[in-house]
PDB file of N, CA and C in Angstrom:
ATOM      1  N   MET A   1       2.833   2.563 -14.381  1.00  0.00           N
ATOM      2  CA  MET A   1       2.106   3.718 -14.700  1.00  0.00           C
ATOM      3  C   MET A   1      -0.138   3.658 -13.843  1.00  0.00           C
ATOM      4  N   HIS A   2      -0.427   4.034 -13.502  1.00  0.00           N
ATOM      5  CA  HIS A   2      -1.599   3.474 -13.356  1.00  0.00           C
ATOM      6  C   HIS A   2      -2.471   2.921 -14.718  1.00  0.00           C
ATOM      7  N   GLN A   3      -3.504   1.684 -14.160  1.00  0.00           N
ATOM      8  CA  GLN A   3      -4.166   1.756 -15.508  1.00  0.00           C
ATOM      9  C   GLN A   3      -5.845   1.518 -15.298  1.00  0.00           C
ATOM     10  N   ARG A   4      -6.242   2.341 -16.144  1.00  0.00           N
ATOM     11  CA  ARG A   4      -7.831   2.466 -16.121  1.00  0.00           C
ATOM     12  C   ARG A   4      -8.827   0.726 -16.193  1.00  0.00           C
ATOM     13  N   ASN A   5      -9.773   0.842 -15.868  1.00  0.00           N
ATOM     14  CA  ASN A   5     -10.468  -0.491 -16.047  1.00  0.00           C
ATOM     15  C   ASN A   5     -11.204  -0.713 -16.919  1.00  0.00           C
ATOM     16  N   SER A   6     -10.732  -1.130 -17.952  1.00  0.00           N
ATOM     17  CA  SER A   6     -11.184  -1.937 -18.763  1.00  0.00           C
ATOM     18  C   SER A   6     -11.206  -3.637 -18.920  1.00  0.00           C
ATOM     19  N   ASP A   7     -11.635  -4.137 -17.841  1.00  0.00           N
ATOM     20  CA  ASP A   7     -11.380  -4.643 -17.019  1.00  0.00           C
ATOM     21  C   ASP A   7     -12.309  -5.568 -16.632  1.00  0.00           C
ATOM     22  N   GLU A   8     -12.853  -7.253 -17.280  1.00  0.00           N
ATOM     23  CA  GLU A   8     -14.473  -7.519 -17.262  1.00  0.00           C
ATOM     24  C   GLU A   8     -14.026  -9.254 -16.573  1.00  0.00           C
ATOM     25  N   THR A   9     -12.965  -9.405 -16.149  1.00  0.00           N
ATOM     26  CA  THR A   9     -13.164 -11.130 -15.351  1.00  0.00           C
ATOM     27  C   THR A   9     -12.690 -10.554 -13.565  1.00  0.00           C
ATOM     28  N   LEU A  10     -12.991 -11.431 -12.964  1.00  0.00           N
ATOM     29  CA  LEU A  10     -12.634 -11.121 -11.686  1.00  0.00           C
ATOM     30  C   LEU A  10     -10.859 -10.934 -11.392  1.00  0.00           C
ATOM     31  N   TYR A  11     -10.349 -11.512 -11.745  1.00  0.00           N
ATOM     32  CA  TYR A  11      -8.658 -11.564 -11.402  1.00  0.00           C
ATOM     33  C   TYR A  11      -8.460 -10.627 -12.768  1.00  0.00           C
ATOM     34  N   GLU A  12      -8.751 -10.134 -14.267  1.00  0.00           N
ATOM     35  CA  GLU A  12      -7.949  -8.824 -14.210  1.00  0.00           C
ATOM     36  C   GLU A  12      -8.001  -7.664 -12.793  1.00  0.00           C
ATOM     37  N   LEU A  13      -9.390  -7.268 -13.181  1.00  0.00           N
ATOM     38  CA  LEU A  13     -10.269  -6.405 -11.474  1.00  0.00           C
ATOM     39  C   LEU A  13      -9.680  -6.711 -10.120  1.00  0.00           C
ATOM     40  N   VAL A  14      -8.734  -7.746 -10.098  1.00  0.00           N
ATOM     41  CA  VAL A  14      -8.069  -7.726  -8.906  1.00  0.00           C
ATOM     42  C   VAL A  14      -6.904  -7.167  -9.108  1.00  0.00           C
ATOM     43  N   ALA A  15      -6.336  -7.498  -9.895  1.00  0.00           N
ATOM     44  CA  ALA A  15      -5.032  -7.273 -10.826  1.00  0.00           C
ATOM     45  C   ALA A  15      -4.552  -5.906 -10.332  1.00  0.00           C
ATOM     46  N   THR A  16      -5.788  -4.843 -11.277  1.00  0.00           N
ATOM     47  CA  THR A  16      -5.471  -3.743 -11.571  1.00  0.00           C
ATOM     48  C   THR A  16      -5.789  -2.865 -10.080  1.00  0.00           C
ATOM     49  N   LEU A  17      -6.679  -3.258  -9.450  1.00  0.00           N
ATOM     50  CA  LEU A  17      -6.758  -3.007  -8.233  1.00  0.00           C
ATOM     51  C   LEU A  17      -5.597  -3.095  -7.221  1.00  0.00           C
ATOM     52  N   ALA A  18      -4.616  -3.830  -7.238  1.00  0.00           N
ATOM     53  CA  ALA A  18      -3.191  -4.595  -6.474  1.00  0.00           C
ATOM     54  C   ALA A  18      -2.949  -4.042  -6.921  1.00  0.00           C
ATOM     55  N   SER A  19      -2.466  -3.695  -8.368  1.00  0.00           N
ATOM     56  CA  SER A  19      -1.135  -3.218  -9.151  1.00  0.00           C
ATOM     57  C   SER A  19      -1.659  -1.172  -8.391  1.00  0.00           C
ATOM     58  N   ASN A  20      -2.366  -1.064  -8.335  1.00  0.00           N
ATOM     59  CA  ASN A  20      -2.739   1.025  -8.694  1.00  0.00           C
ATOM     60  C   ASN A  20      -2.690   1.015  -7.137  1.00  0.00           C
ATOM     61  N   ALA A  21      -3.496  -0.211  -6.099  1.00  0.00           N
ATOM     62  CA  ALA A  21      -3.096   0.670  -4.748  1.00  0.00           C
ATOM     63  C   ALA A  21      -1.076   0.739  -4.310  1.00  0.00           C
ATOM     64  N   ALA A  22      -0.819  -0.051  -5.460  1.00  0.00           N
ATOM     65  CA  ALA A  22       0.946  -0.475  -4.817  1.00  0.00           C
ATOM     66  C   ALA A  22       1.305   0.475  -5.137  1.00  0.00           C
ATOM     67  N   GLU A  23       0.906   1.432  -6.529  1.00  0.00           N
ATOM     68  CA  GLU A  23       1.797   2.431  -6.653  1.00  0.00           C
ATOM     69  C   GLU A  23       0.645   3.429  -5.709  1.00  0.00           C
ATOM     70  N   THR A  24      -0.632   3.643  -5.187  1.00  0.00           N
ATOM     71  CA  THR A  24      -0.928   4.726  -4.606  1.00  0.00           C
ATOM     72  C   THR A  24       0.252   4.768  -3.020  1.00  0.00           C
ATOM     73  N   ASN A  25       0.310   3.501  -2.507  1.00  0.00           N
ATOM     74  CA  ASN A  25       0.951   3.547  -1.384  1.00  0.00           C
ATOM     75  C   ASN A  25       2.614   4.163  -1.877  1.00  0.00           C
ATOM     76  N   LEU A  26       2.954   3.787  -2.909  1.00  0.00           N
ATOM     77  CA  LEU A  26       4.067   3.900  -3.699  1.00  0.00           C
ATOM     78  C   LEU A  26       4.283   5.897  -3.405  1.00  0.00           C
ATOM     79  N   ALA A  27       3.038   6.171  -3.811  1.00  0.00           N
ATOM     80  CA  ALA A  27       2.969   7.820  -4.270  1.00  0.00           C
ATOM     81  C   ALA A  27       2.952   8.459  -2.611  1.00  0.00           C
ATOM     82  N   LEU A  28       2.789   7.812  -1.763  1.00  0.00           N
ATOM     83  CA  LEU A  28       2.654   8.568  -0.059  1.00  0.00           C
ATOM     84  C   LEU A  28       3.799   8.394   0.496  1.00  0.00           C
ATOM     85  N   ARG A  29       4.706   7.019   0.123  1.00  0.00           N
ATOM     86  CA  ARG A  29       5.511   7.094   0.898  1.00  0.00           C
ATOM     87  C   ARG A  29       6.364   7.985   0.200  1.00  0.00           C
ATOM     88  N   ASN A  30       6.897   7.750  -1.393  1.00  0.00           N
ATOM     89  CA  ASN A  30       6.654   9.233  -1.737  1.00  0.00           C
ATOM     90  C   ASN A  30       6.900  10.480  -0.788  1.00  0.00           C
ATOM     91  N   ARG A  31       5.890  11.582  -0.458  1.00  0.00           N
ATOM     92  CA  ARG A  31       5.487  12.293   0.246  1.00  0.00           C
ATOM     93  C   ARG A  31       6.111  12.157   1.966  1.00  0.00           C
ATOM     94  N   GLY A  32       6.730  10.694   2.115  1.00  0.00           N
ATOM     95  CA  GLY A  32       6.677  10.899   3.046  1.00  0.00           C
ATOM     96  C   GLY A  32       6.068  10.521   4.356  1.00  0.00           C
ATOM     97  N   GLU A  33       4.604   9.789   3.853  1.00  0.00           N
ATOM     98  CA  GLU A  33       3.394   9.688   3.940  1.00  0.00           C
ATOM     99  C   GLU A  33       2.844   7.638   4.357  1.00  0.00           C
ATOM    100  N   ALA A  34       2.228   8.121   5.640  1.00  0.00           N
ATOM    101  CA  ALA A  34       1.807   5.960   6.110  1.00  0.00           C
ATOM    102  C   ALA A  34       1.541   5.870   4.415  1.00  0.00           C
ATOM    103  N   GLU A  35       1.113   4.354   4.756  1.00  0.00           N
ATOM    104  CA  GLU A  35       1.114   3.699   3.830  1.00  0.00           C
ATOM    105  C   GLU A  35      -0.715   3.697   3.858  1.00  0.00           C
ATOM    106  N   LEU A  36      -2.059   3.145   2.728  1.00  0.00           N
ATOM    107  CA  LEU A  36      -3.623   3.635   3.232  1.00  0.00           C
ATOM    108  C   LEU A  36      -3.652   1.920   4.002  1.00  0.00           C
ATOM    109  N   SER A  37      -4.684   2.431   5.276  1.00  0.00           N
ATOM    110  CA  SER A  37      -4.788   1.487   6.145  1.00  0.00           C
ATOM    111  C   SER A  37      -5.927   1.548   6.551  1.00  0.00           C
ATOM    112  N   VAL A  38      -6.956  -0.109   7.232  1.00  0.00           N
ATOM    113  CA  VAL A  38      -7.726   0.730   7.605  1.00  0.00           C
ATOM    114  C   VAL A  38      -8.147   1.552   8.927  1.00  0.00           C
ATOM    115  N   ASN A  39      -7.486   1.265   9.729  1.00  0.00           N
ATOM    116  CA  ASN A  39      -6.702   1.599  11.077  1.00  0.00           C
ATOM    117  C   ASN A  39      -6.139   2.683  10.440  1.00  0.00           C
ATOM    118  N   GLY A  40      -5.304   3.544   9.513  1.00  0.00           N
ATOM    119  CA  GLY A  40      -4.898   4.510  10.190  1.00  0.00           C
ATOM    120  C   GLY A  40      -5.396   5.825   9.173  1.00  0.00           C
ATOM    121  N   PRO A  41      -4.779   6.862   9.590  1.00  0.00           N
ATOM    122  CA  PRO A  41      -5.144   8.263   9.044  1.00  0.00           C
ATOM    123  C   PRO A  41      -5.551   7.981   8.026  1.00  0.00           C
ATOM    124  N   THR A  42      -6.603   8.914   7.300  1.00  0.00           N
ATOM    125  CA  THR A  42      -7.543   9.284   5.583  1.00  0.00           C
ATOM    126  C   THR A  42      -6.118  10.537   5.534  1.00  0.00           C
ATOM    127  N   PRO A  43      -5.079  10.391   3.873  1.00  0.00           N
ATOM    128  CA  PRO A  43      -4.088  11.004   3.671  1.00  0.00           C
ATOM    129  C   PRO A  43      -4.365  12.196   2.989  1.00  0.00           C
ATOM    130  N   ASP A  44      -4.014  13.273   3.814  1.00  0.00           N
ATOM    131  CA  ASP A  44      -4.844  14.730   2.817  1.00  0.00           C
ATOM    132  C   ASP A  44      -3.977  14.801   2.241  1.00  0.00           C
ATOM    133  N   VAL A  45      -3.888  14.190   0.296  1.00  0.00           N
ATOM    134  CA  VAL A  45      -3.289  15.117  -0.910  1.00  0.00           C
ATOM    135  C   VAL A  45      -3.568  16.151  -1.459  1.00  0.00           C
ATOM    136  N   PRO A  46      -3.220  17.670  -1.385  1.00  0.00           N
ATOM    137  CA  PRO A  46      -3.716  18.534  -2.533  1.00  0.00           C
ATOM    138  C   PRO A  46      -3.559  17.721  -3.959  1.00  0.00           C
ATOM    139  N   LEU A  47      -4.713  18.244  -4.739  1.00  0.00           N
ATOM    140  CA  LEU A  47      -5.430  18.053  -5.942  1.00  0.00           C
ATOM    141  C   LEU A  47      -3.753  19.427  -6.816  1.00  0.00           C
ATOM    142  N   ALA A  48      -3.214  18.450  -7.095  1.00  0.00           N
ATOM    143  CA  ALA A  48      -1.280  19.134  -7.528  1.00  0.00           C
ATOM    144  C   ALA A  48      -1.149  18.246  -9.073  1.00  0.00           C
ATOM    145  N   ASP A  49      -0.171  19.334  -9.204  1.00  0.00           N
ATOM    146  CA  ASP A  49       0.237  18.190 -10.677  1.00  0.00           C
ATOM    147  C   ASP A  49       1.390  17.100 -10.051  1.00  0.00           C
ATOM    148  N   GLU A  50       1.576  17.560  -8.946  1.00  0.00           N
ATOM    149  CA  GLU A  50       2.982  16.808  -8.864  1.00  0.00           C
ATOM    150  C   GLU A  50       2.192  15.382  -7.778  1.00  0.00           C
ATOM    151  N   ASN A  51       1.364  15.434  -7.394  1.00  0.00           N
ATOM    152  CA  ASN A  51       0.598  14.686  -6.628  1.00  0.00           C
ATOM    153  C   ASN A  51      -0.442  13.765  -7.900  1.00  0.00           C
ATOM    154  N   LYS A  52      -0.688  14.136  -9.211  1.00  0.00           N
ATOM    155  CA  LYS A  52      -1.103  13.457  -9.790  1.00  0.00           C
ATOM    156  C   LYS A  52      -1.272  11.642  -9.855  1.00  0.00           C
ATOM    157  N   THR A  53      -0.429  11.230  -9.972  1.00  0.00           N
ATOM    158  CA  THR A  53      -0.147  10.146  -9.970  1.00  0.00           C
ATOM    159  C   THR A  53      -0.862   9.356  -8.742  1.00  0.00           C
ATOM    160  N   TYR A  54      -0.549  10.111  -6.943  1.00  0.00           N
ATOM    161  CA  TYR A  54      -1.533   9.334  -6.363  1.00  0.00           C
ATOM    162  C   TYR A  54      -3.201   9.221  -6.676  1.00  0.00           C
ATOM    163  N   HIS A  55      -3.342  10.329  -7.281  1.00  0.00           N
ATOM    164  CA  HIS A  55      -4.610  10.435  -7.287  1.00  0.00           C
ATOM    165  C   HIS A  55      -5.399   9.825  -8.392  1.00  0.00           C
ATOM    166  N   ASP A  56      -4.244   9.696  -9.692  1.00  0.00           N
ATOM    167  CA  ASP A  56      -4.632   8.786 -10.809  1.00  0.00           C
ATOM    168  C   ASP A  56      -4.861   7.321 -10.304  1.00  0.00           C
ATOM    169  N   ALA A  57      -3.861   6.669  -9.499  1.00  0.00           N
ATOM    170  CA  ALA A  57      -4.292   5.811  -8.832  1.00  0.00           C
ATOM    171  C   ALA A  57      -5.215   5.131  -8.380  1.00  0.00           C
ATOM    172  N   ARG A  58      -5.241   6.266  -6.971  1.00  0.00           N
ATOM    173  CA  ARG A  58      -6.070   6.083  -6.391  1.00  0.00           C
ATOM    174  C   ARG A  58      -7.871   6.082  -6.913  1.00  0.00           C
ATOM    175  N   ALA A  59      -8.285   6.397  -7.927  1.00  0.00           N
ATOM    176  CA  ALA A  59      -9.390   7.483  -8.611  1.00  0.00           C
ATOM    177  C   ALA A  59      -9.919   5.286  -9.559  1.00  0.00           C
ATOM    178  N   SER A  60      -8.413   5.024 -10.203  1.00  0.00           N
ATOM    179  CA  SER A  60      -8.731   3.020 -10.169  1.00  0.00           C
ATOM    180  C   SER A  60      -8.454   2.327  -9.324  1.00  0.00           C
ATOM    181  N   ALA A  61      -7.678   2.127  -8.915  1.00  0.00           N
ATOM    182  CA  ALA A  61      -8.119   1.806  -7.976  1.00  0.00           C
ATOM    183  C   ALA A  61      -9.724   1.536  -7.092  1.00  0.00           C
ATOM    184  N   ILE A  62      -9.993   2.212  -6.657  1.00  0.00           N
ATOM    185  CA  ILE A  62     -11.700   3.171  -6.078  1.00  0.00           C
ATOM    186  C   ILE A  62     -12.136   2.026  -7.245  1.00  0.00           C
ATOM    187  N   GLU A  63     -12.615   1.864  -8.301  1.00  0.00           N
ATOM    188  CA  GLU A  63     -13.273   1.958 -10.471  1.00  0.00           C
ATOM    189  C   GLU A  63     -13.139   0.316  -9.956  1.00  0.00           C
ATOM    190  N   ALA A  64     -11.587  -0.062  -9.871  1.00  0.00           N
ATOM    191  CA  ALA A  64     -12.043  -1.663  -9.616  1.00  0.00           C
ATOM    192  C   ALA A  64     -12.419  -1.911  -8.687  1.00  0.00           C
ATOM    193  N   ALA A  65     -12.603  -1.556  -7.374  1.00  0.00           N
ATOM    194  CA  ALA A  65     -13.041  -2.593  -6.157  1.00  0.00           C
ATOM    195  C   ALA A  65     -14.202  -2.242  -6.043  1.00  0.00           C
ATOM    196  N   GLU A  66     -14.637  -1.371  -6.837  1.00  0.00           N
ATOM    197  CA  GLU A  66     -16.166  -0.744  -7.107  1.00  0.00           C
ATOM    198  C   GLU A  66     -17.042  -2.533  -7.990  1.00  0.00           C
ATOM    199  N   LYS A  67     -16.570  -2.256  -9.458  1.00  0.00           N
ATOM    200  CA  LYS A  67     -16.579  -3.677  -9.892  1.00  0.00           C
ATOM    201  C   LYS A  67     -16.713  -4.490  -9.727  1.00  0.00           C
ATOM    202  N   ILE A  68     -15.497  -5.174  -8.632  1.00  0.00           N
ATOM    203  CA  ILE A  68     -15.421  -5.742  -8.188  1.00  0.00           C
ATOM    204  C   ILE A  68     -16.683  -6.488  -7.316  1.00  0.00           C
ATOM    205  N   ILE A  69     -17.041  -6.136  -6.627  1.00  0.00           N
ATOM    206  CA  ILE A  69     -18.290  -6.111  -5.685  1.00  0.00           C
ATOM    207  C   ILE A  69     -19.015  -6.250  -6.824  1.00  0.00           C
ATOM    208  N   ALA A  70     -19.637  -5.387  -7.970  1.00  0.00           N
ATOM    209  CA  ALA A  70     -20.328  -5.170  -8.320  1.00  0.00           C
ATOM    210  C   ALA A  70     -20.385  -6.678  -9.532  1.00  0.00           C
ATOM    211  N   VAL A  71     -19.326  -7.147  -9.322  1.00  0.00           N
ATOM    212  CA  VAL A  71     -18.899  -8.398 -10.065  1.00  0.00           C
ATOM    213  C   VAL A  71     -19.920  -9.970  -8.546  1.00  0.00           C
ATOM    214  N   LEU A  72     -18.894  -9.102  -7.823  1.00  0.00           N
ATOM    215  CA  LEU A  72     -19.099 -10.811  -6.748  1.00  0.00           C
ATOM    216  C   LEU A  72     -20.370 -10.414  -6.575  1.00  0.00           C
ATOM    217  N   ARG A  73     -21.290  -9.405  -6.035  1.00  0.00           N
ATOM    218  CA  ARG A  73     -22.912  -9.250  -5.404  1.00  0.00           C
ATOM    219  C   ARG A  73     -23.872  -9.894  -6.786  1.00  0.00           C
ATOM    220  N   GLY A  74     -23.757  -9.912  -8.115  1.00  0.00           N
ATOM    221  CA  GLY A  74     -24.809 -10.121  -9.246  1.00  0.00           C
ATOM    222  C   GLY A  74     -25.633  -8.497  -9.998  1.00  0.00           C
ATOM    223  N   PRO A  75     -25.344  -8.811 -10.976  1.00  0.00           N
ATOM    224  CA  PRO A  75     -26.232  -7.913 -11.546  1.00  0.00           C
ATOM    225  C   PRO A  75     -28.183  -7.334 -10.248  1.00  0.00           C
ATOM    226  N   ARG A  76     -28.554  -8.371  -9.816  1.00  0.00           N
ATOM    227  CA  ARG A  76     -29.916  -8.478  -9.048  1.00  0.00           C
ATOM    228  C   ARG A  76     -29.259  -7.672  -8.110  1.00  0.00           C
ATOM    229  N   GLU A  77     -28.300  -7.409  -7.022  1.00  0.00           N
ATOM    230  CA  GLU A  77     -28.211  -7.280  -6.224  1.00  0.00           C
ATOM    231  C   GLU A  77     -27.626  -5.909  -6.262  1.00  0.00           C
ATOM    232  N   VAL A  78     -26.614  -5.913  -7.237  1.00  0.00           N
ATOM    233  CA  VAL A  78     -26.686  -4.618  -7.528  1.00  0.00           C
ATOM    234  C   VAL A  78     -27.955  -3.321  -8.068  1.00  0.00           C
ATOM    235  N   LEU A  79     -28.833  -3.886  -8.854  1.00  0.00           N
ATOM    236  CA  LEU A  79     -29.640  -3.366  -8.774  1.00  0.00           C
ATOM    237  C   LEU A  79     -30.546  -2.670  -7.777  1.00  0.00           C
ATOM    238  N   LEU A  80     -30.583  -3.587  -7.054  1.00  0.00           N
ATOM    239  CA  LEU A  80     -31.193  -2.969  -6.096  1.00  0.00           C
ATOM    240  C   LEU A  80     -30.685  -2.350  -5.147  1.00  0.00           C
ATOM    241  N   ASP A  81     -28.665  -2.285  -4.784  1.00  0.00           N
ATOM    242  CA  ASP A  81     -28.641  -1.007  -3.670  1.00  0.00           C
ATOM    243  C   ASP A  81     -27.976  -0.145  -4.570  1.00  0.00           C
ATOM    244  N   ILE A  82     -28.245   0.240  -6.078  1.00  0.00           N
ATOM    245  CA  ILE A  82     -28.548   0.942  -6.814  1.00  0.00           C
ATOM    246  C   ILE A  82     -29.804   1.869  -6.033  1.00  0.00           C
ATOM    247  N   SER A  83     -31.012   1.314  -6.678  1.00  0.00           N
ATOM    248  CA  SER A  83     -32.334   1.991  -6.128  1.00  0.00           C
ATOM    249  C   SER A  83     -32.828   2.600  -4.540  1.00  0.00           C
ATOM    250  N   PHE A  84     -31.722   1.241  -4.119  1.00  0.00           N
ATOM    251  CA  PHE A  84     -31.512   1.381  -2.489  1.00  0.00           C
ATOM    252  C   PHE A  84     -31.200   3.649  -2.232  1.00  0.00           C
ATOM    253  N   GLN A  85     -30.034   3.494  -3.138  1.00  0.00           N
ATOM    254  CA  GLN A  85     -29.167   4.377  -2.680  1.00  0.00           C
ATOM    255  C   GLN A  85     -30.356   5.465  -3.775  1.00  0.00           C
ATOM    256  N   VAL A  86     -30.820   5.473  -5.214  1.00  0.00           N
ATOM    257  CA  VAL A  86     -31.043   6.778  -5.414  1.00  0.00           C
ATOM    258  C   VAL A  86     -32.545   7.012  -4.195  1.00  0.00           C
ATOM    259  N   HIS A  87     -33.671   5.835  -3.432  1.00  0.00           N
ATOM    260  CA  HIS A  87     -34.469   6.630  -3.244  1.00  0.00           C
ATOM    261  C   HIS A  87     -33.725   7.195  -1.305  1.00  0.00           C
ATOM    262  N   ILE A  88     -33.144   6.533  -1.148  1.00  0.00           N
ATOM    263  CA  ILE A  88     -32.001   7.321  -0.034  1.00  0.00           C
ATOM    264  C   ILE A  88     -32.073   8.781  -0.314  1.00  0.00           C
ATOM    265  N   CYS A  89     -31.129   9.294  -1.942  1.00  0.00           N
ATOM    266  CA  CYS A  89     -30.826  10.530  -1.571  1.00  0.00           C
ATOM    267  C   CYS A  89     -32.150  11.155  -2.221  1.00  0.00           C
ATOM    268  N   GLY A  90     -33.157  10.610  -2.893  1.00  0.00           N
ATOM    269  CA  GLY A  90     -33.879  11.104  -2.966  1.00  0.00           C
ATOM    270  C   GLY A  90     -35.065  11.653  -1.754  1.00  0.00           C
ATOM    271  N   THR A  91     -35.050  11.217  -1.287  1.00  0.00           N
ATOM    272  CA  THR A  91     -34.897  11.203   0.415  1.00  0.00           C
ATOM    273  C   THR A  91     -34.332  12.291   0.729  1.00  0.00           C
ATOM    274  N   TYR A  92     -33.223  12.208   1.272  1.00  0.00           N
ATOM    275  CA  TYR A  92     -32.232  13.640   1.450  1.00  0.00           C
ATOM    276  C   TYR A  92     -32.746  14.811   0.983  1.00  0.00           C
ATOM    277  N   TYR A  93     -32.649  14.355  -0.367  1.00  0.00           N
ATOM    278  CA  TYR A  93     -32.779  16.189  -0.844  1.00  0.00           C
ATOM    279  C   TYR A  93     -34.056  16.485  -0.987  1.00  0.00           C
ATOM    280  N   GLY A  94     -35.304  16.219  -0.223  1.00  0.00           N
ATOM    281  CA  GLY A  94     -36.589  15.847  -0.860  1.00  0.00           C
ATOM    282  C   GLY A  94     -36.611  15.960  -2.306  1.00  0.00           C
ATOM    283  N   PHE A  95     -36.783  15.130  -3.121  1.00  0.00           N
ATOM    284  CA  PHE A  95     -37.364  15.112  -4.168  1.00  0.00           C
ATOM    285  C   PHE A  95     -37.939  13.879  -3.874  1.00  0.00           C
ATOM    286  N   HIS A  96     -39.172  14.038  -4.355  1.00  0.00           N
ATOM    287  CA  HIS A  96     -40.601  13.548  -4.415  1.00  0.00           C
ATOM    288  C   HIS A  96     -41.650  12.976  -5.373  1.00  0.00           C
ATOM    289  N   SER A  97     -41.253  11.486  -6.504  1.00  0.00           N
ATOM    290  CA  SER A  97     -42.300  11.497  -7.114  1.00  0.00           C
ATOM    291  C   SER A  97     -44.160  11.633  -6.852  1.00  0.00           C
ATOM    292  N   HIS A  98     -44.710  12.180  -7.702  1.00  0.00           N
ATOM    293  CA  HIS A  98     -46.368  12.647  -7.340  1.00  0.00           C
ATOM    294  C   HIS A  98     -47.062  11.775  -8.572  1.00  0.00           C
TER     295      HIS A  98
END
């Protein structure tokens, strides 16, 4: 069963990511689809009750991966990245500060 990320150490986050990645791939195999890979196609798994395990595990894996990146980058780099994203979104959507 997938686990949500209350983890705080890098080791715990990596373990959570690995566990949820395994659960995501198991759900794909059960559907007769290939496991996730960098070079493979992105599966199109509909949002439906029978696919809840896949979507929950995938969301938890993504959350753990984002936290791992934040831990490895450190607070300054994370803040710079967020401020850059906010600037790009504001520019894209036409938000201006005057």
